[in-house]
C-alpha atoms as a PDB file:
ATOM      1  CA  UNK A   1      89.153  61.219 -43.691  1.00  0.00           C
ATOM      2  CA  UNK A   2      89.105  64.090 -41.346  1.00  0.00           C
ATOM      3  CA  UNK A   3      91.899  63.950 -38.643  1.00  0.00           C
ATOM      4  CA  UNK A   4      91.291  65.027 -35.386  1.00  0.00           C
ATOM      5  CA  UNK A   5      94.419  67.437 -34.331  1.00  0.00           C
ATOM      6  CA  UNK A   6      95.737  68.955 -31.414  1.00  0.00           C
ATOM      7  CA  UNK A   7      98.115  71.809 -30.939  1.00  0.00           C
ATOM      8  CA  UNK A   8     100.083  72.866 -28.090  1.00  0.00           C
ATOM      9  CA  UNK A   9     101.895  76.278 -28.548  1.00  0.00           C
ATOM     10  CA  UNK A  10     101.918  79.579 -26.765  1.00  0.00           C
ATOM     11  CA  UNK A  11      98.731  81.686 -26.330  1.00  0.00           C
ATOM     12  CA  UNK A  12      97.214  82.575 -29.730  1.00  0.00           C
ATOM     13  CA  UNK A  13      96.478  85.988 -28.673  1.00  0.00           C
ATOM     14  CA  UNK A  14     100.146  86.575 -28.782  1.00  0.00           C
ATOM     15  CA  UNK A  15     101.406  85.498 -32.379  1.00  0.00           C
ATOM     16  CA  UNK A  16     102.191  87.528 -35.354  1.00  0.00           C
ATOM     17  CA  UNK A  17      99.628  86.123 -37.686  1.00  0.00           C
ATOM     18  CA  UNK A  18     101.498  87.048 -41.292  1.00  0.00           C
ATOM     19  CA  UNK A  19     104.686  85.013 -40.162  1.00  0.00           C
ATOM     20  CA  UNK A  20     103.616  82.662 -37.706  1.00  0.00           C
ATOM     21  CA  UNK A  21     104.113  79.123 -38.881  1.00  0.00           C
ATOM     22  CA  UNK A  22     101.769  77.571 -36.537  1.00  0.00           C
ATOM     23  CA  UNK A  23      98.832  79.400 -37.979  1.00  0.00           C
ATOM     24  CA  UNK A  24      99.734  78.526 -41.482  1.00  0.00           C
ATOM     25  CA  UNK A  25      99.498  74.696 -40.386  1.00  0.00           C
ATOM     26  CA  UNK A  26      96.386  75.123 -38.541  1.00  0.00           C
ATOM     27  CA  UNK A  27      94.908  77.062 -41.673  1.00  0.00           C
ATOM     28  CA  UNK A  28      95.652  74.144 -43.845  1.00  0.00           C
ATOM     29  CA  UNK A  29      94.173  71.507 -41.141  1.00  0.00           C
ATOM     30  CA  UNK A  30      90.834  73.675 -40.917  1.00  0.00           C
ATOM     31  CA  UNK A  31      90.744  73.816 -44.860  1.00  0.00           C
ATOM     32  CA  UNK A  32      90.874  69.861 -44.767  1.00  0.00           C
ATOM     33  CA  UNK A  33      88.099  69.815 -42.541  1.00  0.00           C
ATOM     34  CA  UNK A  34      90.258  68.857 -39.462  1.00  0.00           C
ATOM     35  CA  UNK A  35      88.961  69.758 -35.975  1.00  0.00           C
ATOM     36  CA  UNK A  36      91.515  71.305 -34.063  1.00  0.00           C
ATOM     37  CA  UNK A  37      91.939  71.430 -30.253  1.00  0.00           C
ATOM     38  CA  UNK A  38      94.027  74.119 -29.013  1.00  0.00           C
ATOM     39  CA  UNK A  39      96.178  73.915 -25.784  1.00  0.00           C
ATOM     40  CA  UNK A  40      98.818  75.830 -23.999  1.00  0.00           C
ATOM     41  CA  UNK A  41     101.226  74.124 -21.514  1.00  0.00           C
ATOM     42  CA  UNK A  42      99.049  74.615 -18.657  1.00  0.00           C
ATOM     43  CA  UNK A  43      96.247  72.745 -20.343  1.00  0.00           C
ATOM     44  CA  UNK A  44      98.063  69.476 -20.536  1.00  0.00           C
ATOM     45  CA  UNK A  45      98.462  66.977 -17.654  1.00  0.00           C
ATOM     46  CA  UNK A  46      98.862  63.414 -16.307  1.00  0.00           C
ATOM     47  CA  UNK A  47      96.145  61.836 -14.191  1.00  0.00           C
ATOM     48  CA  UNK A  48      96.597  57.598 -13.056  1.00  0.00           C
ATOM     49  CA  UNK A  49      99.102  57.423 -16.048  1.00  0.00           C
ATOM     50  CA  UNK A  50      96.822  58.892 -18.782  1.00  0.00           C
ATOM     51  CA  UNK A  51      97.793  62.192 -20.802  1.00  0.00           C
ATOM     52  CA  UNK A  52      94.639  64.452 -20.808  1.00  0.00           C
ATOM     53  CA  UNK A  53      94.124  68.127 -22.534  1.00  0.00           C
ATOM     54  CA  UNK A  54      91.921  70.843 -21.322  1.00  0.00           C
ATOM     55  CA  UNK A  55      91.872  72.881 -24.303  1.00  0.00           C
ATOM     56  CA  UNK A  56      89.360  74.488 -26.761  1.00  0.00           C
ATOM     57  CA  UNK A  57      87.913  74.256 -29.975  1.00  0.00           C
ATOM     58  CA  UNK A  58      89.566  76.505 -32.299  1.00  0.00           C
ATOM     59  CA  UNK A  59      89.275  78.341 -35.859  1.00  0.00           C
ATOM     60  CA  UNK A  60      91.117  80.491 -37.513  1.00  0.00           C
ATOM     61  CA  UNK A  61      91.562  83.165 -40.172  1.00  0.00           C
ATOM     62  CA  UNK A  62      94.025  84.437 -42.405  1.00  0.00           C
ATOM     63  CA  UNK A  63      93.469  87.712 -41.021  1.00  0.00           C
ATOM     64  CA  UNK A  64      96.458  89.657 -39.198  1.00  0.00           C
ATOM     65  CA  UNK A  65      93.953  91.586 -37.029  1.00  0.00           C
ATOM     66  CA  UNK A  66      91.229  88.826 -36.174  1.00  0.00           C
ATOM     67  CA  UNK A  67      92.618  85.581 -36.642  1.00  0.00           C
ATOM     68  CA  UNK A  68      91.045  83.361 -34.357  1.00  0.00           C
ATOM     69  CA  UNK A  69      88.213  82.379 -32.211  1.00  0.00           C
ATOM     70  CA  UNK A  70      88.128  79.903 -29.472  1.00  0.00           C
ATOM     71  CA  UNK A  71      85.193  77.278 -29.121  1.00  0.00           C
ATOM     72  CA  UNK A  72      83.651  75.431 -26.304  1.00  0.00           C
ATOM     73  CA  UNK A  73      86.312  74.196 -23.750  1.00  0.00           C
ATOM     74  CA  UNK A  74      86.539  70.654 -22.983  1.00  0.00           C
ATOM     75  CA  UNK A  75      89.076  67.703 -21.518  1.00  0.00           C
ATOM     76  CA  UNK A  76      89.724  64.582 -23.317  1.00  0.00           C
ATOM     77  CA  UNK A  77      92.383  62.011 -23.055  1.00  0.00           C
ATOM     78  CA  UNK A  78      95.120  63.451 -25.705  1.00  0.00           C
ATOM     79  CA  UNK A  79      95.120  59.945 -27.098  1.00  0.00           C
ATOM     80  CA  UNK A  80      91.278  60.502 -28.237  1.00  0.00           C
ATOM     81  CA  UNK A  81      93.480  62.734 -31.024  1.00  0.00           C
ATOM     82  CA  UNK A  82      94.860  61.489 -34.030  1.00  0.00           C
ATOM     83  CA  UNK A  83      97.990  63.911 -33.827  1.00  0.00           C
ATOM     84  CA  UNK A  84      99.358  66.785 -32.068  1.00  0.00           C
ATOM     85  CA  UNK A  85     101.685  69.607 -33.394  1.00  0.00           C
ATOM     86  CA  UNK A  86     103.957  70.496 -30.436  1.00  0.00           C
ATOM     87  CA  UNK A  87     104.770  74.008 -31.275  1.00  0.00           C
ATOM     88  CA  UNK A  88     105.834  75.537 -27.893  1.00  0.00           C
ATOM     89  CA  UNK A  89     108.365  78.320 -28.585  1.00  0.00           C
ATOM     90  CA  UNK A  90     111.660  78.052 -26.383  1.00  0.00           C
ATOM     91  CA  UNK A  91     112.656  78.706 -23.562  1.00  0.00           C
ATOM     92  CA  UNK A  92     113.435  75.050 -23.363  1.00  0.00           C
ATOM     93  CA  UNK A  93     113.507  74.619 -19.729  1.00  0.00           C
ATOM     94  CA  UNK A  94     112.537  72.055 -17.242  1.00  0.00           C
ATOM     95  CA  UNK A  95     108.569  72.934 -17.873  1.00  0.00           C
ATOM     96  CA  UNK A  96     108.967  72.422 -21.476  1.00  0.00           C
ATOM     97  CA  UNK A  97     110.731  68.767 -20.763  1.00  0.00           C
ATOM     98  CA  UNK A  98     107.860  67.731 -18.427  1.00  0.00           C
ATOM     99  CA  UNK A  99     105.613  68.648 -21.097  1.00  0.00           C
ATOM    100  CA  UNK A 100     107.405  66.217 -23.433  1.00  0.00           C
ATOM    101  CA  UNK A 101     107.037  63.591 -20.848  1.00  0.00           C
ATOM    102  CA  UNK A 102     103.012  64.471 -20.499  1.00  0.00           C
ATOM    103  CA  UNK A 103     103.007  64.159 -24.531  1.00  0.00           C
ATOM    104  CA  UNK A 104     105.438  60.651 -24.456  1.00  0.00           C
ATOM    105  CA  UNK A 105     102.190  59.258 -22.515  1.00  0.00           C
ATOM    106  CA  UNK A 106      99.637  60.218 -25.502  1.00  0.00           C
ATOM    107  CA  UNK A 107     102.044  58.696 -28.308  1.00  0.00           C
ATOM    108  CA  UNK A 108     102.321  55.546 -26.200  1.00  0.00           C
ATOM    109  CA  UNK A 109      98.627  55.505 -26.645  1.00  0.00           C
ATOM    110  CA  UNK A 110      98.373  55.924 -30.103  1.00  0.00           C
ATOM    111  CA  UNK A 111      98.637  59.573 -30.940  1.00  0.00           C
ATOM    112  CA  UNK A 112     101.025  60.702 -33.198  1.00  0.00           C
ATOM    113  CA  UNK A 113     103.351  63.948 -31.766  1.00  0.00           C
ATOM    114  CA  UNK A 114     105.042  66.276 -34.264  1.00  0.00           C
ATOM    115  CA  UNK A 115     107.884  66.027 -33.617  1.00  0.00           C
ATOM    116  CA  UNK A 116     108.388  63.226 -31.457  1.00  0.00           C
ATOM    117  CA  UNK A 117     108.876  64.093 -27.750  1.00  0.00           C
ATOM    118  CA  UNK A 118     112.065  62.044 -26.962  1.00  0.00           C
ATOM    119  CA  UNK A 119     113.484  64.013 -29.808  1.00  0.00           C
ATOM    120  CA  UNK A 120     112.442  66.936 -28.769  1.00  0.00           C
ATOM    121  CA  UNK A 121     114.483  66.463 -25.402  1.00  0.00           C
ATOM    122  CA  UNK A 122     117.608  64.536 -27.136  1.00  0.00           C
ATOM    123  CA  UNK A 123     118.297  66.763 -30.168  1.00  0.00           C
ATOM    124  CA  UNK A 124     119.469  70.074 -28.662  1.00  0.00           C
ATOM    125  CA  UNK A 125     119.257  72.728 -31.653  1.00  0.00           C
ATOM    126  CA  UNK A 126     122.763  73.587 -31.183  1.00  0.00           C
ATOM    127  CA  UNK A 127     124.478  70.596 -30.025  1.00  0.00           C
ATOM    128  CA  UNK A 128     122.970  68.256 -32.710  1.00  0.00           C
ATOM    129  CA  UNK A 129     125.379  69.666 -35.306  1.00  0.00           C
ATOM    130  CA  UNK A 130     128.205  68.081 -33.492  1.00  0.00           C
ATOM    131  CA  UNK A 131     127.142  64.857 -35.015  1.00  0.00           C
ATOM    132  CA  UNK A 132     128.126  66.211 -38.293  1.00  0.00           C
ATOM    133  CA  UNK A 133     131.587  67.751 -37.890  1.00  0.00           C
ATOM    134  CA  UNK A 134     132.258  67.536 -41.240  1.00  0.00           C
ATOM    135  CA  UNK A 135     129.494  69.642 -42.239  1.00  0.00           C
ATOM    136  CA  UNK A 136     130.008  72.222 -39.927  1.00  0.00           C
ATOM    137  CA  UNK A 137     132.384  74.999 -39.416  1.00  0.00           C
ATOM    138  CA  UNK A 138     135.059  74.155 -36.657  1.00  0.00           C
ATOM    139  CA  UNK A 139     133.031  74.113 -33.551  1.00  0.00           C
ATOM    140  CA  UNK A 140     133.668  73.902 -29.674  1.00  0.00           C
ATOM    141  CA  UNK A 141     131.183  73.582 -26.800  1.00  0.00           C
ATOM    142  CA  UNK A 142     132.691  74.208 -23.196  1.00  0.00           C
ATOM    143  CA  UNK A 143     132.538  76.167 -19.908  1.00  0.00           C
ATOM    144  CA  UNK A 144     136.260  77.006 -20.104  1.00  0.00           C
ATOM    145  CA  UNK A 145     137.312  80.488 -20.943  1.00  0.00           C
ATOM    146  CA  UNK A 146     140.896  79.569 -21.296  1.00  0.00           C
ATOM    147  CA  UNK A 147     139.503  77.066 -24.116  1.00  0.00           C
ATOM    148  CA  UNK A 148     137.894  79.769 -25.539  1.00  0.00           C
ATOM    149  CA  UNK A 149     140.449  82.216 -25.747  1.00  0.00           C
ATOM    150  CA  UNK A 150     142.805  79.451 -27.412  1.00  0.00           C
ATOM    151  CA  UNK A 151     139.838  78.746 -29.832  1.00  0.00           C
ATOM    152  CA  UNK A 152     139.720  82.208 -30.628  1.00  0.00           C
ATOM    153  CA  UNK A 153     143.615  82.610 -31.272  1.00  0.00           C
ATOM    154  CA  UNK A 154     143.298  79.266 -33.324  1.00  0.00           C
ATOM    155  CA  UNK A 155     140.338  80.705 -35.523  1.00  0.00           C
ATOM    156  CA  UNK A 156     141.072  84.700 -35.510  1.00  0.00           C
ATOM    157  CA  UNK A 157     137.420  85.522 -35.368  1.00  0.00           C
ATOM    158  CA  UNK A 158     134.502  83.790 -33.730  1.00  0.00           C
ATOM    159  CA  UNK A 159     130.893  83.535 -33.036  1.00  0.00           C
ATOM    160  CA  UNK A 160     129.794  82.663 -29.100  1.00  0.00           C
ATOM    161  CA  UNK A 161     126.292  81.663 -28.210  1.00  0.00           C
ATOM    162  CA  UNK A 162     124.387  79.868 -25.664  1.00  0.00           C
ATOM    163  CA  UNK A 163     123.119  76.157 -26.165  1.00  0.00           C
ATOM    164  CA  UNK A 164     119.544  77.500 -25.460  1.00  0.00           C
ATOM    165  CA  UNK A 165     119.039  80.544 -27.303  1.00  0.00           C
ATOM    166  CA  UNK A 166     116.737  81.686 -30.292  1.00  0.00           C
ATOM    167  CA  UNK A 167     116.304  84.147 -32.642  1.00  0.00           C
ATOM    168  CA  UNK A 168     119.607  85.420 -32.491  1.00  0.00           C
ATOM    169  CA  UNK A 169     119.316  86.437 -28.540  1.00  0.00           C
ATOM    170  CA  UNK A 170     122.982  86.438 -27.007  1.00  0.00           C
ATOM    171  CA  UNK A 171     124.971  85.773 -29.867  1.00  0.00           C
ATOM    172  CA  UNK A 172     128.397  87.295 -30.214  1.00  0.00           C
ATOM    173  CA  UNK A 173     131.046  87.923 -32.985  1.00  0.00           C
ATOM    174  CA  UNK A 174     134.525  88.539 -31.355  1.00  0.00           C
ATOM    175  CA  UNK A 175     137.915  88.710 -32.621  1.00  0.00           C
ATOM    176  CA  UNK A 176     141.438  88.513 -31.262  1.00  0.00           C
ATOM    177  CA  UNK A 177     142.114  91.605 -28.858  1.00  0.00           C
ATOM    178  CA  UNK A 178     138.469  92.209 -28.396  1.00  0.00           C
ATOM    179  CA  UNK A 179     138.110  93.867 -24.807  1.00  0.00           C
ATOM    180  CA  UNK A 180     134.601  92.688 -24.302  1.00  0.00           C
ATOM    181  CA  UNK A 181     135.740  89.096 -24.530  1.00  0.00           C
ATOM    182  CA  UNK A 182     136.125  88.366 -20.890  1.00  0.00           C
ATOM    183  CA  UNK A 183     132.589  89.941 -19.848  1.00  0.00           C
ATOM    184  CA  UNK A 184     130.866  87.858 -22.978  1.00  0.00           C
ATOM    185  CA  UNK A 185     132.331  84.639 -21.455  1.00  0.00           C
ATOM    186  CA  UNK A 186     131.198  85.605 -17.787  1.00  0.00           C
ATOM    187  CA  UNK A 187     127.632  86.249 -19.359  1.00  0.00           C
ATOM    188  CA  UNK A 188     127.273  83.144 -21.523  1.00  0.00           C
ATOM    189  CA  UNK A 189     128.937  80.526 -19.147  1.00  0.00           C
ATOM    190  CA  UNK A 190     127.564  82.479 -15.678  1.00  0.00           C
ATOM    191  CA  UNK A 191     131.635  82.366 -14.548  1.00  0.00           C
ATOM    192  CA  UNK A 192     132.186  78.926 -15.817  1.00  0.00           C
ATOM    193  CA  UNK A 193     129.127  77.190 -14.663  1.00  0.00           C
ATOM    194  CA  UNK A 194     127.371  76.512 -17.644  1.00  0.00           C
ATOM    195  CA  UNK A 195     128.173  75.437 -21.223  1.00  0.00           C
ATOM    196  CA  UNK A 196     128.415  77.636 -24.179  1.00  0.00           C
ATOM    197  CA  UNK A 197     129.405  76.952 -28.104  1.00  0.00           C
ATOM    198  CA  UNK A 198     131.903  78.763 -29.942  1.00  0.00           C
ATOM    199  CA  UNK A 199     132.162  78.453 -33.887  1.00  0.00           C
ATOM    200  CA  UNK A 200     134.871  80.067 -36.497  1.00  0.00           C
ATOM    201  CA  UNK A 201     133.084  83.214 -38.108  1.00  0.00           C
ATOM    202  CA  UNK A 202     131.742  82.534 -41.135  1.00  0.00           C
ATOM    203  CA  UNK A 203     132.001  85.640 -43.664  1.00  0.00           C
ATOM    204  CA  UNK A 204     129.366  83.692 -46.091  1.00  0.00           C
ATOM    205  CA  UNK A 205     126.682  85.231 -43.355  1.00  0.00           C
ATOM    206  CA  UNK A 206     126.821  88.181 -45.537  1.00  0.00           C
ATOM    207  CA  UNK A 207     125.140  86.489 -48.019  1.00  0.00           C
ATOM    208  CA  UNK A 208     122.588  85.262 -45.177  1.00  0.00           C
ATOM    209  CA  UNK A 209     121.997  82.861 -43.035  1.00  0.00           C
ATOM    210  CA  UNK A 210     119.817  80.303 -44.778  1.00  0.00           C
ATOM    211  CA  UNK A 211     116.566  78.560 -43.380  1.00  0.00           C
ATOM    212  CA  UNK A 212     116.166  75.123 -45.149  1.00  0.00           C
ATOM    213  CA  UNK A 213     112.835  73.394 -43.921  1.00  0.00           C
ATOM    214  CA  UNK A 214     112.777  69.392 -43.927  1.00  0.00           C
ATOM    215  CA  UNK A 215     109.577  67.434 -44.116  1.00  0.00           C
ATOM    216  CA  UNK A 216     109.825  63.772 -43.130  1.00  0.00           C
ATOM    217  CA  UNK A 217     113.624  64.081 -44.296  1.00  0.00           C
ATOM    218  CA  UNK A 218     113.230  65.582 -47.297  1.00  0.00           C
ATOM    219  CA  UNK A 219     113.932  69.398 -47.888  1.00  0.00           C
ATOM    220  CA  UNK A 220     111.572  72.094 -49.555  1.00  0.00           C
ATOM    221  CA  UNK A 221     113.394  72.870 -52.654  1.00  0.00           C
ATOM    222  CA  UNK A 222     113.733  76.519 -51.661  1.00  0.00           C
ATOM    223  CA  UNK A 223     115.738  78.256 -48.790  1.00  0.00           C
ATOM    224  CA  UNK A 224     114.963  81.604 -46.945  1.00  0.00           C
ATOM    225  CA  UNK A 225     118.433  83.323 -46.675  1.00  0.00           C
ATOM    226  CA  UNK A 226     117.971  85.853 -43.887  1.00  0.00           C
ATOM    227  CA  UNK A 227     120.232  88.617 -44.552  1.00  0.00           C
ATOM    228  CA  UNK A 228     122.105  90.864 -42.058  1.00  0.00           C
ATOM    229  CA  UNK A 229     120.689  94.277 -41.563  1.00  0.00           C
ATOM    230  CA  UNK A 230     123.490  97.242 -42.090  1.00  0.00           C
ATOM    231  CA  UNK A 231     126.016  96.578 -39.028  1.00  0.00           C
ATOM    232  CA  UNK A 232     124.692  93.296 -37.793  1.00  0.00           C
ATOM    233  CA  UNK A 233     126.230  90.236 -37.942  1.00  0.00           C
ATOM    234  CA  UNK A 234     122.996  88.062 -37.278  1.00  0.00           C
ATOM    235  CA  UNK A 235     120.898  87.262 -40.093  1.00  0.00           C
ATOM    236  CA  UNK A 236     117.761  86.481 -37.654  1.00  0.00           C
ATOM    237  CA  UNK A 237     114.414  87.844 -38.796  1.00  0.00           C
ATOM    238  CA  UNK A 238     114.134  88.617 -35.256  1.00  0.00           C
ATOM    239  CA  UNK A 239     117.315  90.558 -35.138  1.00  0.00           C
ATOM    240  CA  UNK A 240     116.395  92.628 -37.899  1.00  0.00           C
ATOM    241  CA  UNK A 241     117.383  90.522 -40.838  1.00  0.00           C
ATOM    242  CA  UNK A 242     115.369  90.578 -44.224  1.00  0.00           C
ATOM    243  CA  UNK A 243     114.517  87.268 -45.867  1.00  0.00           C
ATOM    244  CA  UNK A 244     115.224  86.213 -49.502  1.00  0.00           C
ATOM    245  CA  UNK A 245     113.695  83.201 -51.152  1.00  0.00           C
ATOM    246  CA  UNK A 246     116.782  81.151 -53.236  1.00  0.00           C
ATOM    247  CA  UNK A 247     116.650  77.735 -54.697  1.00  0.00           C
ATOM    248  CA  UNK A 248     118.540  75.125 -53.003  1.00  0.00           C
ATOM    249  CA  UNK A 249     122.410  74.813 -54.095  1.00  0.00           C
ATOM    250  CA  UNK A 250     123.949  71.157 -54.828  1.00  0.00           C
ATOM    251  CA  UNK A 251     125.780  71.985 -51.320  1.00  0.00           C
ATOM    252  CA  UNK A 252     122.774  72.413 -49.469  1.00  0.00           C
ATOM    253  CA  UNK A 253     121.129  69.234 -50.746  1.00  0.00           C
ATOM    254  CA  UNK A 254     124.237  67.457 -49.788  1.00  0.00           C
ATOM    255  CA  UNK A 255     123.571  68.789 -45.927  1.00  0.00           C
ATOM    256  CA  UNK A 256     120.209  67.910 -46.400  1.00  0.00           C
ATOM    257  CA  UNK A 257     120.866  64.328 -47.489  1.00  0.00           C
ATOM    258  CA  UNK A 258     123.539  63.636 -44.901  1.00  0.00           C
ATOM    259  CA  UNK A 259     121.273  64.840 -41.738  1.00  0.00           C
ATOM    260  CA  UNK A 260     118.272  62.949 -43.056  1.00  0.00           C
ATOM    261  CA  UNK A 261     118.888  59.541 -41.907  1.00  0.00           C
ATOM    262  CA  UNK A 262     118.941  60.788 -38.362  1.00  0.00           C
ATOM    263  CA  UNK A 263     115.882  63.035 -38.761  1.00  0.00           C
ATOM    264  CA  UNK A 264     114.069  59.955 -39.797  1.00  0.00           C
ATOM    265  CA  UNK A 265     115.380  57.662 -37.338  1.00  0.00           C
ATOM    266  CA  UNK A 266     114.423  60.261 -34.559  1.00  0.00           C
ATOM    267  CA  UNK A 267     110.989  61.008 -35.494  1.00  0.00           C
ATOM    268  CA  UNK A 268     111.908  64.312 -36.483  1.00  0.00           C
ATOM    269  CA  UNK A 269     108.770  65.031 -39.134  1.00  0.00           C
ATOM    270  CA  UNK A 270     109.359  68.832 -39.212  1.00  0.00           C
ATOM    271  CA  UNK A 271     112.750  70.463 -38.683  1.00  0.00           C
ATOM    272  CA  UNK A 272     114.308  73.678 -39.696  1.00  0.00           C
ATOM    273  CA  UNK A 273     118.258  73.461 -40.874  1.00  0.00           C
ATOM    274  CA  UNK A 274     120.178  76.889 -40.410  1.00  0.00           C
ATOM    275  CA  UNK A 275     123.641  76.954 -43.170  1.00  0.00           C
ATOM    276  CA  UNK A 276     125.655  79.567 -43.636  1.00  0.00           C
ATOM    277  CA  UNK A 277     127.597  79.399 -46.968  1.00  0.00           C
ATOM    278  CA  UNK A 278     128.017  75.415 -47.065  1.00  0.00           C
ATOM    279  CA  UNK A 279     128.166  74.837 -43.241  1.00  0.00           C
ATOM    280  CA  UNK A 280     125.646  73.620 -40.817  1.00  0.00           C
ATOM    281  CA  UNK A 281     124.743  75.861 -38.020  1.00  0.00           C
ATOM    282  CA  UNK A 282     122.003  74.541 -36.235  1.00  0.00           C
ATOM    283  CA  UNK A 283     119.225  71.927 -36.386  1.00  0.00           C
ATOM    284  CA  UNK A 284     116.075  73.546 -35.110  1.00  0.00           C
ATOM    285  CA  UNK A 285     113.449  71.018 -33.899  1.00  0.00           C
ATOM    286  CA  UNK A 286     111.297  72.668 -31.169  1.00  0.00           C
ATOM    287  CA  UNK A 287     109.056  75.042 -33.278  1.00  0.00           C
ATOM    288  CA  UNK A 288     110.866  75.805 -37.007  1.00  0.00           C
ATOM    289  CA  UNK A 289     109.506  79.054 -38.534  1.00  0.00           C
ATOM    290  CA  UNK A 290     110.009  80.652 -42.138  1.00  0.00           C
ATOM    291  CA  UNK A 291     107.289  78.618 -43.610  1.00  0.00           C
ATOM    292  CA  UNK A 292     104.979  81.517 -44.204  1.00  0.00           C
ATOM    293  CA  UNK A 293     107.830  83.611 -45.733  1.00  0.00           C
ATOM    294  CA  UNK A 294     108.600  80.721 -48.241  1.00  0.00           C
ATOM    295  CA  UNK A 295     104.725  79.983 -48.975  1.00  0.00           C
ATOM    296  CA  UNK A 296     104.484  84.066 -50.018  1.00  0.00           C
ATOM    297  CA  UNK A 297     107.544  83.898 -52.246  1.00  0.00           C
ATOM    298  CA  UNK A 298     107.050  80.188 -54.128  1.00  0.00           C
ATOM    299  CA  UNK A 299     103.936  78.540 -55.273  1.00  0.00           C
ATOM    300  CA  UNK A 300     104.575  75.717 -52.919  1.00  0.00           C
ATOM    301  CA  UNK A 301     102.204  74.388 -49.970  1.00  0.00           C
ATOM    302  CA  UNK A 302     104.647  73.843 -47.146  1.00  0.00           C
ATOM    303  CA  UNK A 303     102.126  73.161 -44.771  1.00  0.00           C
ATOM    304  CA  UNK A 304     100.274  70.961 -47.038  1.00  0.00           C
ATOM    305  CA  UNK A 305     103.017  68.767 -47.468  1.00  0.00           C
ATOM    306  CA  UNK A 306     103.734  68.620 -43.668  1.00  0.00           C
ATOM    307  CA  UNK A 307     100.195  67.537 -43.133  1.00  0.00           C
ATOM    308  CA  UNK A 308     100.268  64.877 -45.971  1.00  0.00           C
ATOM    309  CA  UNK A 309     103.495  63.524 -43.809  1.00  0.00           C
ATOM    310  CA  UNK A 310     101.168  63.512 -40.979  1.00  0.00           C
ATOM    311  CA  UNK A 311      98.341  61.666 -42.783  1.00  0.00           C
ATOM    312  CA  UNK A 312     100.642  59.150 -44.245  1.00  0.00           C
ATOM    313  CA  UNK A 313     101.893  58.232 -40.485  1.00  0.00           C
ATOM    314  CA  UNK A 314      98.616  57.663 -39.229  1.00  0.00           C
ATOM    315  CA  UNK A 315      97.193  55.755 -42.113  1.00  0.00           C
END
């Protein structure tokens, strides 16, 4: 059965095709004969309690220079679609939150949203790990510079990051006596008015910050280890890291097993776990990536697994 699929994403003209996970999902949907309704945040709205989308029929190609055509623009109730992929990248701001409210009305009318709108709001990608302290490095979330200084004194070396960042943005590694600590804290907490996260530094980052993709609570059997470039402490591909595929370790499978019940309960069908060594560092729910890199390294169809899960949910 051909499902009617919507996608809410950043402008498709702006993506990098060869590594774009959303494009991988759309290519798989198209191969199944599923018609695709393409929308950006500006295209969704509510009128008289009904969620609508003004978007285009979309055709995609696996071509780094010419990857899509937009067809006729139509406006339709979002509940006319069987499923919608919410793939808008952060920033996670009020506009993003408002969009989840609109998508929630479509969900209430019978459309499957991947991921569930309430979970997109509630499962902050940094804060979510605090529900699993036994799986994480020592971690603190605070506005207090004094608390961070004490935490640094206890740990010796820490990583500081904002709660709303992505792609390695504004991540700082600091040790005792770092002369830049005061200004780093001023920037991250905006002089004590915003929360930031501090974590004990994990030397295992030299072997890679591993991305593990989870589909309906089940891990893909390989991770993408994002290994920092020379002179860097961030493994993010956006920060210049290189990706290497690796089979999941027993420790990584234990992390997946521990987190899976929460993912299923929350309706988080597609998630990316970040693991350094044997420690969980983030739970990515908004627009997990690294699908194309893993599919290029191994004979697996991760996009197909996710769309199978979508089809199973719809019945």
